[in-house]
């Protein structure tokens, strides 16, 4: 490998070969990594005058990467979570590099030791059951589009699926016979089987029958499609949900201004948790690799319980309770006793 373009060659093979072929990363994740390095190269050019095709590893050491993260915070006003996403891309690249070029291990390790930015813990946003039911009552089921939309929203909620997983859903991934279930393909092309509840199965079966998806060569046809019979996009699904959420908000102002497909995913997780479902099962349904990721729902649930308990607390305000320092005799005794020892 020529030393003058070592950085460029390794970055190219990392993004175009290693991530998709060996790590099975999704196209969305790879796109996010590309954005991170596009910003990093732009920073090197604007801040240090180094053209992208002239970057060497000595130009991308720990100090430079740290300066880049600071630039994201101060100049681009990025949040801690966004900065950590960019850092994760860089960390992943340097782990790859030290395996390909052992002589760079020292430089890589220094960069890999850069810690994540701390950010205040966020509690998930989700819909209460009454708000969700109101949204699901909005589609006009006398029309084919309304039936599609209601089925889409029910499947999105019932499976707890990511929006892209539902957009990618094909007829062959749906089993309507008992036990009814759907196969979802998630991040890293990992598949998982999610059971369908009875009412969702009835809705889905009726919709697929009326859409002629149960006959002929329909196995690879998208389950949810537009008037051109093309799969709905992520933004298209988001638009459908937001439209019905806005309609429901007219009757229930507590429904958030922005209701996204991911909020339905959060809602499913929280409703399962409130029903007493073991968090391990919730992890499997959502397709989380690490149970720590699922733990955010448990922490959010505890926080909401704490706030609810505060509303009915009968413990008096401590500011209204006489403090013991008002007892002058006790203070005098303690002062005299201390001196006598």
Protein backbone atom coordinates (compact mmCIF):
# COMPACT_ATOMS: atom_id res chain seq x y z
CA UNK A 1 0.00 0.00 0.00
CA UNK A 2 1.33 3.39 -0.98
CA UNK A 3 1.91 5.54 2.10
CA UNK A 4 0.79 8.79 0.45
CA UNK A 5 -2.82 7.62 0.13
CA UNK A 6 -3.00 5.06 2.93
CA UNK A 7 -5.76 6.96 4.78
CA UNK A 8 -7.92 7.28 1.66
CA UNK A 9 -7.57 3.63 0.60
CA UNK A 10 -8.36 2.29 4.06
CA UNK A 11 -11.33 4.63 4.48
CA UNK A 12 -12.68 3.55 1.09
CA UNK A 13 -12.37 -0.16 1.83
CA UNK A 14 -13.83 0.38 5.33
CA UNK A 15 -16.99 2.06 3.99
CA UNK A 16 -17.52 0.10 0.78
CA UNK A 17 -16.32 -3.39 1.72
CA UNK A 18 -15.86 -3.97 5.45
CA UNK A 19 -19.08 -2.42 6.78
CA UNK A 20 -21.53 -3.90 4.23
CA UNK A 21 -19.85 -7.25 3.62
CA UNK A 22 -18.24 -8.23 6.91
CA UNK A 23 -20.30 -6.31 9.46
CA UNK A 24 -23.61 -6.41 7.58
CA UNK A 25 -24.32 -2.80 8.50
CA UNK A 26 -27.49 -1.29 7.09
CA UNK A 27 -27.35 1.29 4.32
CA UNK A 28 -28.65 3.92 6.76
CA UNK A 29 -25.79 3.27 9.19
CA UNK A 30 -23.19 3.34 6.41
CA UNK A 31 -24.69 6.60 5.14
CA UNK A 32 -24.37 8.05 8.65
CA UNK A 33 -20.71 6.97 8.79
CA UNK A 34 -20.11 8.61 5.40
CA UNK A 35 -21.60 11.85 6.75
CA UNK A 36 -19.26 11.69 9.76
CA UNK A 37 -16.16 11.41 7.58
CA UNK A 38 -17.43 14.00 5.13
CA UNK A 39 -17.62 16.45 8.05
CA UNK A 40 -14.23 15.36 9.36
CA UNK A 41 -12.57 15.95 5.97
CA UNK A 42 -14.32 19.31 5.67
CA UNK A 43 -12.97 20.24 9.11
CA UNK A 44 -9.42 19.27 8.11
CA UNK A 45 -9.69 21.37 4.97
CA UNK A 46 -11.19 24.47 6.58
CA UNK A 47 -9.29 24.32 9.87
CA UNK A 48 -5.92 22.95 8.81
CA UNK A 49 -5.82 23.53 5.05
CA UNK A 50 -5.45 19.81 4.30
CA UNK A 51 -7.15 18.64 1.12
CA UNK A 52 -9.10 15.35 1.41
CA UNK A 53 -6.75 13.53 -0.97
CA UNK A 54 -3.72 14.68 1.06
CA UNK A 55 -4.84 13.50 4.52
CA UNK A 56 -2.41 11.20 6.32
CA UNK A 57 -2.95 9.37 9.58
CA UNK A 58 -0.59 11.74 11.38
CA UNK A 59 -3.05 14.50 10.43
CA UNK A 60 -5.90 12.58 12.07
CA UNK A 61 -4.47 11.84 15.52
CA UNK A 62 -6.20 12.07 18.90
CA UNK A 63 -5.64 15.81 19.22
CA UNK A 64 -7.12 16.49 15.79
CA UNK A 65 -10.14 14.25 16.34
CA UNK A 66 -10.79 15.97 19.70
CA UNK A 67 -10.61 19.36 17.97
CA UNK A 68 -13.09 18.07 15.39
CA UNK A 69 -15.54 17.05 18.13
CA UNK A 70 -15.18 20.48 19.75
CA UNK A 71 -15.82 22.07 16.34
CA UNK A 72 -19.02 20.07 15.99
CA UNK A 73 -20.16 21.37 19.36
CA UNK A 74 -19.17 25.04 19.06
CA UNK A 75 -19.47 25.78 15.34
CA UNK A 76 -22.22 23.41 14.22
CA UNK A 77 -24.08 23.41 17.57
CA UNK A 78 -24.39 19.63 17.58
CA UNK A 79 -25.85 17.86 20.60
CA UNK A 80 -23.85 15.41 22.68
CA UNK A 81 -25.70 12.46 21.13
CA UNK A 82 -24.88 13.65 17.59
CA UNK A 83 -21.23 14.18 18.52
CA UNK A 84 -21.13 10.68 19.97
CA UNK A 85 -22.56 9.26 16.73
CA UNK A 86 -19.73 10.92 14.77
CA UNK A 87 -17.19 9.63 17.27
CA UNK A 88 -18.62 6.11 16.99
CA UNK A 89 -17.95 6.18 13.24
CA UNK A 90 -14.34 7.28 13.82
CA UNK A 91 -13.83 4.67 16.55
CA UNK A 92 -15.15 1.94 14.27
CA UNK A 93 -12.79 3.03 11.48
CA UNK A 94 -9.73 3.06 13.75
CA UNK A 95 -10.56 -0.41 15.09
CA UNK A 96 -10.58 -1.57 11.49
CA UNK A 97 -7.32 0.23 10.69
CA UNK A 98 -5.34 -1.33 13.53
CA UNK A 99 -6.25 -4.76 12.21
CA UNK A 100 -5.19 -3.87 8.68
CA UNK A 101 -2.05 -1.89 9.54
CA UNK A 102 -0.53 -3.09 12.86
CA UNK A 103 2.14 -0.36 12.75
CA UNK A 104 -0.65 2.17 13.37
CA UNK A 105 -1.92 0.48 16.54
CA UNK A 106 -0.45 3.12 18.86
CA UNK A 107 -2.06 6.01 16.98
CA UNK A 108 -5.36 4.12 16.75
CA UNK A 109 -5.42 3.29 20.45
CA UNK A 110 -4.93 6.93 21.39
CA UNK A 111 -7.93 7.90 19.28
CA UNK A 112 -9.99 4.97 20.53
CA UNK A 113 -9.46 6.25 24.08
CA UNK A 114 -11.37 9.46 23.36
CA UNK A 115 -14.45 9.21 25.62
CA UNK A 116 -18.03 9.90 24.64
CA UNK A 117 -19.56 13.24 25.53
CA UNK A 118 -21.83 13.14 28.53
CA UNK A 119 -25.41 14.17 27.96
CA UNK A 120 -28.44 14.38 30.23
CA UNK A 121 -30.37 11.14 30.17
CA UNK A 122 -33.49 11.38 28.04
CA UNK A 123 -36.74 9.70 28.88
CA UNK A 124 -38.65 8.25 25.99
CA UNK A 125 -41.71 9.92 24.54
CA UNK A 126 -44.70 7.65 24.03
CA UNK A 127 -48.45 7.71 23.61
CA UNK A 128 -50.93 6.69 26.25
CA UNK A 129 -53.40 3.99 25.28
CA UNK A 130 -56.34 6.40 24.97
CA UNK A 131 -54.39 8.77 22.71
CA UNK A 132 -53.23 5.86 20.55
CA UNK A 133 -56.75 4.47 20.23
CA UNK A 134 -58.01 7.90 19.16
CA UNK A 135 -55.38 8.10 16.40
CA UNK A 136 -56.34 4.62 15.19
CA UNK A 137 -59.98 5.71 14.90
CA UNK A 138 -59.13 8.42 12.36
CA UNK A 139 -58.64 6.47 9.07
CA UNK A 140 -61.77 6.17 6.93
CA UNK A 141 -62.10 2.42 6.57
CA UNK A 142 -64.79 2.75 3.89
CA UNK A 143 -61.98 3.53 1.44
CA UNK A 144 -59.10 1.30 0.31
CA UNK A 145 -56.53 3.91 1.36
CA UNK A 146 -58.11 4.23 4.80
CA UNK A 147 -58.06 0.45 5.29
CA UNK A 148 -54.40 0.37 4.23
CA UNK A 149 -53.52 3.19 6.62
CA UNK A 150 -55.30 1.63 9.60
CA UNK A 151 -53.64 -1.74 8.95
CA UNK A 152 -50.26 -0.05 8.53
CA UNK A 153 -50.52 1.82 11.83
CA UNK A 154 -51.73 -1.28 13.70
CA UNK A 155 -48.88 -3.41 12.34
CA UNK A 156 -46.38 -0.64 13.09
CA UNK A 157 -47.56 -0.50 16.71
CA UNK A 158 -48.28 -4.19 17.27
CA UNK A 159 -44.85 -5.35 16.08
CA UNK A 160 -42.89 -2.49 17.67
CA UNK A 161 -41.01 -2.47 14.37
CA UNK A 162 -38.70 0.22 13.07
CA UNK A 163 -40.25 2.22 10.25
CA UNK A 164 -37.76 0.86 7.69
CA UNK A 165 -38.56 -2.70 8.76
CA UNK A 166 -42.24 -2.10 8.02
CA UNK A 167 -41.48 -0.31 4.75
CA UNK A 168 -39.40 -3.33 3.64
CA UNK A 169 -42.08 -5.85 4.62
CA UNK A 170 -43.04 -8.26 1.82
CA UNK A 171 -45.89 -10.75 1.55
CA UNK A 172 -43.53 -13.71 2.08
CA UNK A 173 -42.64 -12.34 5.53
CA UNK A 174 -46.23 -12.52 6.79
CA UNK A 175 -47.82 -15.62 8.29
CA UNK A 176 -51.56 -15.26 8.89
CA UNK A 177 -52.24 -18.84 10.01
CA UNK A 178 -51.98 -19.57 13.72
CA UNK A 179 -49.62 -18.71 15.24
CA UNK A 180 -49.77 -15.48 13.23
CA UNK A 181 -46.41 -13.75 12.97
CA UNK A 182 -44.24 -11.41 10.94
CA UNK A 183 -40.56 -11.71 10.05
CA UNK A 184 -38.77 -8.38 10.34
CA UNK A 185 -35.30 -7.65 8.96
CA UNK A 186 -33.55 -5.14 11.19
CA UNK A 187 -30.17 -3.52 11.55
CA UNK A 188 -27.27 -5.53 10.20
CA UNK A 189 -29.76 -7.69 8.25
CA UNK A 190 -30.67 -9.46 11.48
CA UNK A 191 -34.08 -11.13 11.33
CA UNK A 192 -36.54 -11.68 14.13
CA UNK A 193 -40.00 -13.20 14.36
CA UNK A 194 -42.67 -11.08 16.05
CA UNK A 195 -46.12 -12.50 16.98
CA UNK A 196 -49.26 -10.71 15.79
CA UNK A 197 -52.23 -10.13 18.06
CA UNK A 198 -55.64 -11.43 16.98
CA UNK A 199 -57.22 -8.10 15.98
CA UNK A 200 -54.16 -7.05 13.98
CA UNK A 201 -54.17 -10.42 12.22
CA UNK A 202 -57.83 -9.97 11.25
CA UNK A 203 -57.14 -6.48 9.91
CA UNK A 204 -54.05 -7.57 8.01
CA UNK A 205 -55.75 -10.63 6.53
CA UNK A 206 -58.71 -8.57 5.27
CA UNK A 207 -56.44 -5.86 3.85
CA UNK A 208 -54.18 -8.32 2.05
CA UNK A 209 -57.14 -10.20 0.61
CA UNK A 210 -58.79 -7.03 -0.73
CA UNK A 211 -55.41 -5.87 -2.10
CA UNK A 212 -54.98 -9.18 -3.98
CA UNK A 213 -51.82 -9.98 -2.05
CA UNK A 214 -52.85 -13.52 -1.16
CA UNK A 215 -53.00 -14.77 -4.71
CA UNK A 216 -50.62 -15.44 -7.59
CA UNK A 217 -46.98 -14.44 -7.55
CA UNK A 218 -47.16 -11.91 -4.72
CA UNK A 219 -44.48 -13.23 -2.38
CA UNK A 220 -42.01 -10.41 -3.00
CA UNK A 221 -44.62 -7.68 -3.34
CA UNK A 222 -44.50 -4.99 -0.62
CA UNK A 223 -47.27 -5.36 1.93
CA UNK A 224 -47.82 -1.59 2.15
CA UNK A 225 -47.64 0.22 -1.17
CA UNK A 226 -48.73 3.39 -2.96
CA UNK A 227 -50.94 3.85 -6.04
CA UNK A 228 -47.99 2.82 -8.27
CA UNK A 229 -47.68 -0.45 -6.29
CA UNK A 230 -44.30 0.69 -4.96
CA UNK A 231 -43.35 0.18 -1.33
CA UNK A 232 -44.17 3.09 0.96
CA UNK A 233 -41.07 5.00 2.01
CA UNK A 234 -40.06 5.91 5.54
CA UNK A 235 -41.13 9.50 4.97
CA UNK A 236 -44.40 8.33 3.44
CA UNK A 237 -45.24 6.24 6.50
CA UNK A 238 -44.27 9.14 8.75
CA UNK A 239 -46.58 11.45 6.80
CA UNK A 240 -49.52 9.06 7.12
CA UNK A 241 -49.08 8.77 10.89
CA UNK A 242 -48.63 12.52 11.37
CA UNK A 243 -51.80 13.22 9.33
CA UNK A 244 -53.98 11.09 11.58
CA UNK A 245 -52.26 12.31 14.75
CA UNK A 246 -53.08 15.90 13.72
CA UNK A 247 -56.71 14.94 13.16
CA UNK A 248 -56.88 13.25 16.56
CA UNK A 249 -55.29 16.29 18.21
CA UNK A 250 -58.38 18.33 17.39
CA UNK A 251 -60.28 16.15 19.86
CA UNK A 252 -57.42 15.52 22.28
CA UNK A 253 -54.94 18.45 22.59
CA UNK A 254 -52.57 16.39 24.78
CA UNK A 255 -51.40 14.40 21.74
CA UNK A 256 -47.88 15.67 20.90
CA UNK A 257 -47.36 18.04 17.98
CA UNK A 258 -44.99 15.58 16.36
CA UNK A 259 -45.89 11.90 16.40
CA UNK A 260 -43.32 9.75 14.59
CA UNK A 261 -43.27 6.02 13.81
CA UNK A 262 -40.56 5.65 16.44
CA UNK A 263 -42.96 7.00 19.05
CA UNK A 264 -45.25 4.08 18.22
CA UNK A 265 -42.29 1.77 18.80
CA UNK A 266 -41.66 3.44 22.16
CA UNK A 267 -45.38 3.18 22.97
CA UNK A 268 -45.42 -0.57 22.34
CA UNK A 269 -42.40 -1.07 24.60
CA UNK A 270 -43.85 1.04 27.42
CA UNK A 271 -47.27 -0.64 27.21
CA UNK A 272 -45.61 -4.07 27.40
CA UNK A 273 -43.58 -2.94 30.40
CA UNK A 274 -46.65 -1.57 32.14
CA UNK A 275 -48.39 -4.89 31.51
CA UNK A 276 -45.61 -6.66 33.40
CA UNK A 277 -43.87 -8.27 30.43
CA UNK A 278 -40.28 -9.26 31.21
CA UNK A 279 -37.77 -6.78 29.79
CA UNK A 280 -35.87 -9.65 28.13
CA UNK A 281 -38.94 -10.44 26.00
CA UNK A 282 -39.34 -6.74 25.17
CA UNK A 283 -35.70 -6.68 24.03
CA UNK A 284 -36.35 -9.62 21.70
CA UNK A 285 -39.52 -8.08 20.25
CA UNK A 286 -37.79 -4.75 19.57
CA UNK A 287 -34.68 -6.43 18.18
CA UNK A 288 -32.20 -4.78 20.54
CA UNK A 289 -28.76 -6.40 20.61
CA UNK A 290 -28.03 -5.26 24.15
CA UNK A 291 -30.58 -5.34 26.96
CA UNK A 292 -29.06 -2.09 28.25
CA UNK A 293 -30.69 -0.36 25.28
CA UNK A 294 -34.08 -1.69 26.34
CA UNK A 295 -33.38 -0.56 29.90
CA UNK A 296 -34.22 3.03 28.99
CA UNK A 297 -37.91 2.07 29.03
CA UNK A 298 -37.63 0.70 32.55
CA UNK A 299 -35.87 3.86 33.74
CA UNK A 300 -38.47 6.05 32.08
CA UNK A 301 -41.26 4.02 33.63
CA UNK A 302 -39.73 4.42 37.10
CA UNK A 303 -39.40 8.17 36.58
CA UNK A 304 -43.05 8.48 35.59
CA UNK A 305 -44.10 6.41 38.60
CA UNK A 306 -42.06 8.70 40.85
CA UNK A 307 -43.76 11.80 39.44
CA UNK A 308 -47.17 10.19 39.84
CA UNK A 309 -46.42 9.36 43.47
CA UNK A 310 -45.31 12.93 44.13
CA UNK A 311 -48.75 14.16 43.09
CA UNK A 312 -50.41 12.14 45.86
CA UNK A 313 -47.69 12.52 48.49
CA UNK A 314 -48.91 13.47 51.98
CA UNK A 315 -45.49 14.05 53.55
CA UNK A 316 -45.48 17.72 54.64
CA UNK A 317 -43.14 20.28 53.13
CA UNK A 318 -39.97 20.22 55.24
CA UNK A 319 -39.76 24.01 55.04
CA UNK A 320 -42.90 24.12 57.21
CA UNK A 321 -41.46 21.83 59.88
CA UNK A 322 -39.54 23.52 62.76
CA UNK A 323 -35.83 22.78 62.39
CA UNK A 324 -34.04 21.41 65.43
CA UNK A 325 -31.60 24.36 65.59
CA UNK A 326 -34.48 26.43 67.02
CA UNK A 327 -34.00 24.57 70.31
CA UNK A 328 -31.68 27.02 72.07
CA UNK A 329 -31.39 24.90 75.24
CA UNK A 330 -30.14 21.91 73.27
CA UNK A 331 -27.58 24.04 71.45
CA UNK A 332 -26.36 25.51 74.74
CA UNK A 333 -26.07 22.08 76.31
CA UNK A 334 -24.12 20.71 73.33
CA UNK A 335 -21.79 23.71 73.38
CA UNK A 336 -21.11 23.37 77.13
CA UNK A 337 -20.78 19.62 76.97
CA UNK A 338 -18.32 19.83 74.10
CA UNK A 339 -16.09 22.22 76.06
CA UNK A 340 -16.14 20.02 79.14
CA UNK A 341 -14.71 17.00 77.31
